[in-house]
Amino acid sequence: MEHHDRIDLTRALAVGSLTGLILLGLAWELWLAPLRPGGSWLALKVLPLLLPLSGLLRHRMYTYRWVSLLVWIYFTEGVVRATSDRGFSAVLAAIEVVLCLLLFTACALHVRWRLRHARNASPHPSA
């Protein structure tokens, strides 16, 4: 796989898993398994996830870096709820954990491969 293709793949995985976390959080707390019948204000937890979407789409390296840290908050929520909630909510929490791991991996690889490409593309001084 060519270097540019790997970067495009990690970008697509990052954007896809972030979008998945946003949609999952909304559906979970409003319709699928809310804490209260009729929906929960806990759906507002997706608001911080909306902030990095634009940066990921615009290839902003800084965004990939801080999203790889932000995602651990949602990972922790997923682990706690997967082990403490019952029924469908526990399944949704497990899906959240998987999406978080995908997002982290995609961001980490994206940053690594872009930095490697930049280092290899820079002109080396002749000896």
N, C-alpha and C. Protein backbone atom coordinates (compact mmCIF):
# COMPACT_ATOMS: atom_id res chain seq x y z
N MET A 1 0.84 -1.18 0.00
CA MET A 1 0.00 0.00 0.00
C MET A 1 0.89 1.25 0.00
N GLU A 2 0.60 2.15 -0.86
CA GLU A 2 1.38 3.38 -1.00
C GLU A 2 1.16 4.28 0.21
N HIS A 3 2.16 5.11 0.50
CA HIS A 3 2.13 5.98 1.67
C HIS A 3 0.89 6.87 1.69
N HIS A 4 0.59 7.50 0.58
CA HIS A 4 -0.57 8.40 0.50
C HIS A 4 -1.86 7.64 0.74
N ASP A 5 -1.94 6.40 0.26
CA ASP A 5 -3.14 5.57 0.48
C ASP A 5 -3.34 5.26 1.95
N ARG A 6 -2.23 4.99 2.67
CA ARG A 6 -2.33 4.71 4.10
C ARG A 6 -2.83 5.93 4.86
N ILE A 7 -2.35 7.10 4.49
CA ILE A 7 -2.80 8.34 5.14
C ILE A 7 -4.28 8.56 4.87
N ASP A 8 -4.71 8.34 3.63
CA ASP A 8 -6.13 8.48 3.29
C ASP A 8 -6.99 7.47 4.07
N LEU A 9 -6.49 6.26 4.21
CA LEU A 9 -7.22 5.23 4.94
C LEU A 9 -7.38 5.60 6.41
N THR A 10 -6.30 6.07 7.04
CA THR A 10 -6.39 6.44 8.45
C THR A 10 -7.30 7.65 8.64
N ARG A 11 -7.29 8.57 7.68
CA ARG A 11 -8.20 9.71 7.75
C ARG A 11 -9.64 9.24 7.67
N ALA A 12 -9.93 8.34 6.74
CA ALA A 12 -11.29 7.83 6.59
C ALA A 12 -11.72 7.07 7.85
N LEU A 13 -10.82 6.28 8.42
CA LEU A 13 -11.15 5.55 9.66
C LEU A 13 -11.39 6.50 10.82
N ALA A 14 -10.58 7.55 10.92
CA ALA A 14 -10.75 8.52 12.00
C ALA A 14 -12.08 9.26 11.86
N VAL A 15 -12.36 9.75 10.67
CA VAL A 15 -13.62 10.48 10.44
C VAL A 15 -14.81 9.54 10.63
N GLY A 16 -14.70 8.32 10.12
CA GLY A 16 -15.80 7.37 10.26
C GLY A 16 -16.07 6.96 11.69
N SER A 17 -15.03 6.68 12.45
CA SER A 17 -15.24 6.27 13.84
C SER A 17 -15.69 7.45 14.70
N LEU A 18 -15.21 8.65 14.42
CA LEU A 18 -15.68 9.83 15.15
C LEU A 18 -17.16 10.07 14.85
N THR A 19 -17.54 10.00 13.59
CA THR A 19 -18.94 10.16 13.21
C THR A 19 -19.79 9.06 13.86
N GLY A 20 -19.26 7.85 13.88
CA GLY A 20 -19.95 6.75 14.55
C GLY A 20 -20.17 7.01 16.03
N LEU A 21 -19.17 7.56 16.71
CA LEU A 21 -19.32 7.89 18.13
C LEU A 21 -20.39 8.97 18.34
N ILE A 22 -20.42 9.95 17.46
CA ILE A 22 -21.43 11.01 17.57
C ILE A 22 -22.83 10.43 17.39
N LEU A 23 -23.01 9.65 16.33
CA LEU A 23 -24.33 9.06 16.06
C LEU A 23 -24.74 8.07 17.14
N LEU A 24 -23.79 7.26 17.60
CA LEU A 24 -24.07 6.31 18.67
C LEU A 24 -24.50 7.04 19.94
N GLY A 25 -23.76 8.08 20.32
CA GLY A 25 -24.09 8.82 21.54
C GLY A 25 -25.47 9.43 21.48
N LEU A 26 -25.82 10.00 20.35
CA LEU A 26 -27.16 10.60 20.21
C LEU A 26 -28.25 9.53 20.24
N ALA A 27 -28.09 8.49 19.43
CA ALA A 27 -29.11 7.44 19.37
C ALA A 27 -29.25 6.73 20.72
N TRP A 28 -28.14 6.47 21.37
CA TRP A 28 -28.14 5.77 22.65
C TRP A 28 -28.93 6.55 23.69
N GLU A 29 -28.61 7.82 23.84
CA GLU A 29 -29.20 8.61 24.93
C GLU A 29 -30.57 9.21 24.59
N LEU A 30 -30.94 9.22 23.31
CA LEU A 30 -32.23 9.79 22.95
C LEU A 30 -33.28 8.72 22.65
N TRP A 31 -32.86 7.57 22.04
CA TRP A 31 -33.86 6.60 21.60
C TRP A 31 -33.60 5.17 22.02
N LEU A 32 -32.37 4.70 21.84
CA LEU A 32 -32.11 3.26 21.98
C LEU A 32 -32.15 2.74 23.41
N ALA A 33 -31.46 3.42 24.31
CA ALA A 33 -31.40 2.98 25.71
C ALA A 33 -31.12 4.16 26.64
N PRO A 34 -31.99 5.19 26.60
CA PRO A 34 -31.72 6.38 27.44
C PRO A 34 -31.83 6.06 28.92
N LEU A 35 -31.18 6.88 29.73
CA LEU A 35 -31.27 6.71 31.18
C LEU A 35 -32.70 6.92 31.68
N ARG A 36 -33.43 7.82 31.02
CA ARG A 36 -34.82 8.10 31.36
C ARG A 36 -35.69 7.89 30.12
N PRO A 37 -36.88 7.39 30.31
CA PRO A 37 -37.79 7.24 29.15
C PRO A 37 -38.00 8.59 28.46
N GLY A 38 -37.95 8.59 27.13
CA GLY A 38 -38.14 9.82 26.38
C GLY A 38 -36.85 10.55 26.05
N GLY A 39 -35.72 10.05 26.54
CA GLY A 39 -34.44 10.68 26.23
C GLY A 39 -33.76 11.23 27.45
N SER A 40 -32.48 11.51 27.30
CA SER A 40 -31.66 11.96 28.42
C SER A 40 -30.79 13.14 27.98
N TRP A 41 -30.57 14.05 28.92
CA TRP A 41 -29.66 15.16 28.65
C TRP A 41 -28.23 14.67 28.46
N LEU A 42 -27.99 13.42 28.78
CA LEU A 42 -26.66 12.85 28.60
C LEU A 42 -26.26 12.83 27.12
N ALA A 43 -27.22 13.04 26.24
CA ALA A 43 -26.93 13.12 24.80
C ALA A 43 -25.99 14.30 24.50
N LEU A 44 -25.95 15.27 25.40
CA LEU A 44 -25.06 16.42 25.20
C LEU A 44 -23.58 16.03 25.26
N LYS A 45 -23.31 14.81 25.71
CA LYS A 45 -21.91 14.35 25.78
C LYS A 45 -21.25 14.31 24.41
N VAL A 46 -22.04 14.32 23.34
CA VAL A 46 -21.46 14.27 21.99
C VAL A 46 -20.97 15.64 21.53
N LEU A 47 -21.34 16.71 22.19
CA LEU A 47 -20.93 18.05 21.75
C LEU A 47 -19.41 18.20 21.61
N PRO A 48 -18.61 17.74 22.56
CA PRO A 48 -17.15 17.86 22.36
C PRO A 48 -16.65 17.08 21.14
N LEU A 49 -17.36 16.05 20.74
CA LEU A 49 -16.94 15.27 19.58
C LEU A 49 -17.19 16.00 18.26
N LEU A 50 -18.08 16.98 18.29
CA LEU A 50 -18.36 17.75 17.07
C LEU A 50 -17.20 18.70 16.73
N LEU A 51 -16.49 19.15 17.74
CA LEU A 51 -15.42 20.13 17.53
C LEU A 51 -14.30 19.64 16.60
N PRO A 52 -13.80 18.42 16.75
CA PRO A 52 -12.67 18.00 15.91
C PRO A 52 -13.04 17.55 14.50
N LEU A 53 -14.31 17.38 14.21
CA LEU A 53 -14.71 16.84 12.91
C LEU A 53 -14.16 17.67 11.75
N SER A 54 -14.28 18.96 11.85
CA SER A 54 -13.78 19.85 10.79
C SER A 54 -12.26 19.74 10.64
N GLY A 55 -11.54 19.68 11.75
CA GLY A 55 -10.08 19.57 11.69
C GLY A 55 -9.62 18.27 11.07
N LEU A 56 -10.33 17.18 11.37
CA LEU A 56 -9.97 15.90 10.76
C LEU A 56 -10.20 15.94 9.25
N LEU A 57 -11.31 16.54 8.85
CA LEU A 57 -11.62 16.62 7.42
C LEU A 57 -10.63 17.51 6.68
N ARG A 58 -10.03 18.46 7.38
CA ARG A 58 -9.08 19.39 6.76
C ARG A 58 -7.62 18.97 6.96
N HIS A 59 -7.40 17.75 7.41
CA HIS A 59 -6.05 17.20 7.59
C HIS A 59 -5.21 17.99 8.59
N ARG A 60 -5.78 18.53 9.61
CA ARG A 60 -5.01 19.30 10.59
C ARG A 60 -4.34 18.35 11.59
N MET A 61 -3.04 18.30 11.52
CA MET A 61 -2.26 17.37 12.34
C MET A 61 -2.54 17.57 13.83
N TYR A 62 -2.64 18.81 14.26
CA TYR A 62 -2.89 19.10 15.67
C TYR A 62 -4.20 18.45 16.13
N THR A 63 -5.22 18.47 15.28
CA THR A 63 -6.51 17.87 15.64
C THR A 63 -6.37 16.37 15.85
N TYR A 64 -5.65 15.71 14.96
CA TYR A 64 -5.44 14.27 15.12
C TYR A 64 -4.74 13.96 16.44
N ARG A 65 -3.85 14.83 16.85
CA ARG A 65 -3.11 14.61 18.10
C ARG A 65 -4.02 14.76 19.31
N TRP A 66 -4.81 15.85 19.38
CA TRP A 66 -5.60 16.03 20.60
C TRP A 66 -6.82 15.13 20.63
N VAL A 67 -7.34 14.71 19.48
CA VAL A 67 -8.45 13.77 19.47
C VAL A 67 -8.00 12.43 20.04
N SER A 68 -6.74 12.06 19.78
CA SER A 68 -6.24 10.79 20.31
C SER A 68 -6.17 10.82 21.84
N LEU A 69 -6.23 11.99 22.44
CA LEU A 69 -6.31 12.10 23.91
C LEU A 69 -7.76 12.21 24.38
N LEU A 70 -8.56 12.99 23.68
CA LEU A 70 -9.97 13.18 24.03
C LEU A 70 -10.73 11.85 24.03
N VAL A 71 -10.40 10.98 23.12
CA VAL A 71 -11.15 9.74 22.94
C VAL A 71 -11.12 8.85 24.18
N TRP A 72 -10.09 9.00 25.02
CA TRP A 72 -9.99 8.16 26.20
C TRP A 72 -11.08 8.45 27.22
N ILE A 73 -11.66 9.64 27.22
CA ILE A 73 -12.79 9.95 28.10
C ILE A 73 -13.98 9.08 27.70
N TYR A 74 -14.24 8.99 26.42
CA TYR A 74 -15.36 8.20 25.92
C TYR A 74 -15.07 6.70 26.06
N PHE A 75 -13.83 6.31 25.90
CA PHE A 75 -13.43 4.92 26.12
C PHE A 75 -13.73 4.52 27.57
N THR A 76 -13.36 5.39 28.50
CA THR A 76 -13.60 5.10 29.91
C THR A 76 -15.09 4.97 30.20
N GLU A 77 -15.89 5.88 29.64
CA GLU A 77 -17.34 5.78 29.83
C GLU A 77 -17.83 4.44 29.28
N GLY A 78 -17.36 4.07 28.10
CA GLY A 78 -17.79 2.81 27.50
C GLY A 78 -17.44 1.60 28.35
N VAL A 79 -16.22 1.56 28.87
CA VAL A 79 -15.81 0.44 29.71
C VAL A 79 -16.65 0.37 30.98
N VAL A 80 -16.86 1.52 31.62
CA VAL A 80 -17.64 1.55 32.86
C VAL A 80 -19.07 1.10 32.58
N ARG A 81 -19.68 1.63 31.54
CA ARG A 81 -21.08 1.29 31.26
C ARG A 81 -21.22 -0.13 30.70
N ALA A 82 -20.22 -0.62 29.99
CA ALA A 82 -20.28 -2.00 29.49
C ALA A 82 -20.25 -3.00 30.64
N THR A 83 -19.59 -2.64 31.72
CA THR A 83 -19.48 -3.55 32.86
C THR A 83 -20.52 -3.29 33.94
N SER A 84 -21.20 -2.15 33.91
CA SER A 84 -22.18 -1.85 34.96
C SER A 84 -23.62 -1.80 34.45
N ASP A 85 -23.84 -1.40 33.21
CA ASP A 85 -25.19 -1.35 32.65
C ASP A 85 -25.66 -2.76 32.32
N ARG A 86 -26.95 -2.88 32.11
CA ARG A 86 -27.55 -4.16 31.75
C ARG A 86 -28.20 -4.06 30.38
N GLY A 87 -28.36 -5.19 29.74
CA GLY A 87 -29.13 -5.26 28.50
C GLY A 87 -28.48 -4.53 27.34
N PHE A 88 -29.33 -3.88 26.55
CA PHE A 88 -28.89 -3.24 25.32
C PHE A 88 -27.91 -2.10 25.58
N SER A 89 -28.04 -1.43 26.70
CA SER A 89 -27.12 -0.34 27.03
C SER A 89 -25.69 -0.85 27.15
N ALA A 90 -25.52 -2.05 27.69
CA ALA A 90 -24.18 -2.64 27.81
C ALA A 90 -23.62 -2.96 26.43
N VAL A 91 -24.46 -3.39 25.51
CA VAL A 91 -24.03 -3.66 24.13
C VAL A 91 -23.59 -2.36 23.47
N LEU A 92 -24.37 -1.30 23.64
CA LEU A 92 -24.03 0.00 23.06
C LEU A 92 -22.70 0.50 23.63
N ALA A 93 -22.49 0.27 24.92
CA ALA A 93 -21.23 0.68 25.55
C ALA A 93 -20.05 -0.08 24.95
N ALA A 94 -20.24 -1.36 24.67
CA ALA A 94 -19.17 -2.15 24.05
C ALA A 94 -18.87 -1.63 22.63
N ILE A 95 -19.90 -1.23 21.92
CA ILE A 95 -19.70 -0.63 20.59
C ILE A 95 -18.93 0.68 20.72
N GLU A 96 -19.23 1.45 21.76
CA GLU A 96 -18.50 2.70 22.01
C GLU A 96 -17.02 2.42 22.23
N VAL A 97 -16.71 1.39 22.98
CA VAL A 97 -15.31 1.02 23.24
C VAL A 97 -14.60 0.69 21.94
N VAL A 98 -15.24 -0.10 21.09
CA VAL A 98 -14.63 -0.48 19.81
C VAL A 98 -14.40 0.76 18.94
N LEU A 99 -15.39 1.64 18.87
CA LEU A 99 -15.23 2.87 18.07
C LEU A 99 -14.10 3.74 18.61
N CYS A 100 -13.98 3.82 19.92
CA CYS A 100 -12.89 4.59 20.52
C CYS A 100 -11.53 4.00 20.17
N LEU A 101 -11.42 2.70 20.22
CA LEU A 101 -10.15 2.06 19.88
C LEU A 101 -9.81 2.28 18.40
N LEU A 102 -10.80 2.21 17.54
CA LEU A 102 -10.59 2.50 16.12
C LEU A 102 -10.13 3.94 15.91
N LEU A 103 -10.79 4.87 16.60
CA LEU A 103 -10.45 6.28 16.45
C LEU A 103 -9.03 6.55 16.94
N PHE A 104 -8.68 6.01 18.10
CA PHE A 104 -7.33 6.21 18.62
C PHE A 104 -6.28 5.64 17.67
N THR A 105 -6.50 4.42 17.22
CA THR A 105 -5.54 3.76 16.33
C THR A 105 -5.39 4.54 15.03
N ALA A 106 -6.51 4.96 14.45
CA ALA A 106 -6.46 5.72 13.20
C ALA A 106 -5.70 7.03 13.38
N CYS A 107 -5.96 7.74 14.48
CA CYS A 107 -5.26 9.01 14.72
C CYS A 107 -3.77 8.80 14.95
N ALA A 108 -3.43 7.80 15.75
CA ALA A 108 -2.02 7.54 16.04
C ALA A 108 -1.26 7.16 14.77
N LEU A 109 -1.83 6.28 13.96
CA LEU A 109 -1.16 5.88 12.72
C LEU A 109 -1.10 7.04 11.73
N HIS A 110 -2.15 7.83 11.68
CA HIS A 110 -2.18 8.98 10.77
C HIS A 110 -1.03 9.94 11.10
N VAL A 111 -0.88 10.27 12.36
CA VAL A 111 0.19 11.18 12.78
C VAL A 111 1.55 10.56 12.49
N ARG A 112 1.73 9.29 12.83
CA ARG A 112 3.02 8.62 12.62
C ARG A 112 3.39 8.61 11.14
N TRP A 113 2.45 8.22 10.28
CA TRP A 113 2.76 8.12 8.86
C TRP A 113 2.96 9.48 8.21
N ARG A 114 2.21 10.49 8.65
CA ARG A 114 2.43 11.83 8.09
C ARG A 114 3.78 12.39 8.50
N LEU A 115 4.17 12.17 9.74
CA LEU A 115 5.49 12.64 10.19
C LEU A 115 6.60 11.91 9.46
N ARG A 116 6.45 10.61 9.29
CA ARG A 116 7.45 9.83 8.56
C ARG A 116 7.56 10.32 7.11
N HIS A 117 6.42 10.58 6.49
CA HIS A 117 6.42 11.07 5.11
C HIS A 117 7.08 12.44 5.01
N ALA A 118 6.79 13.32 5.97
CA ALA A 118 7.41 14.66 5.97
C ALA A 118 8.91 14.57 6.17
N ARG A 119 9.35 13.66 7.03
CA ARG A 119 10.78 13.49 7.29
C ARG A 119 11.48 12.94 6.04
N ASN A 120 10.85 11.99 5.37
CA ASN A 120 11.45 11.41 4.16
C ASN A 120 11.40 12.35 2.97
N ALA A 121 10.45 13.25 2.95
CA ALA A 121 10.29 14.18 1.83
C ALA A 121 11.20 15.41 1.96
N SER A 122 11.68 15.67 3.18
CA SER A 122 12.52 16.86 3.36
C SER A 122 13.87 16.62 2.73
N PRO A 123 14.43 17.66 2.11
CA PRO A 123 15.75 17.51 1.46
C PRO A 123 16.84 17.32 2.52
N HIS A 124 17.71 16.39 2.25
CA HIS A 124 18.83 16.16 3.15
C HIS A 124 20.04 16.94 2.65
N PRO A 125 20.74 17.60 3.56
CA PRO A 125 21.96 18.32 3.13
C PRO A 125 23.01 17.33 2.67
N SER A 126 23.71 17.70 1.65
CA SER A 126 24.77 16.81 1.15
C SER A 126 25.99 16.89 2.07
N ALA A 127 26.69 15.79 2.16
CA ALA A 127 27.84 15.73 3.06
C ALA A 127 29.08 16.30 2.46
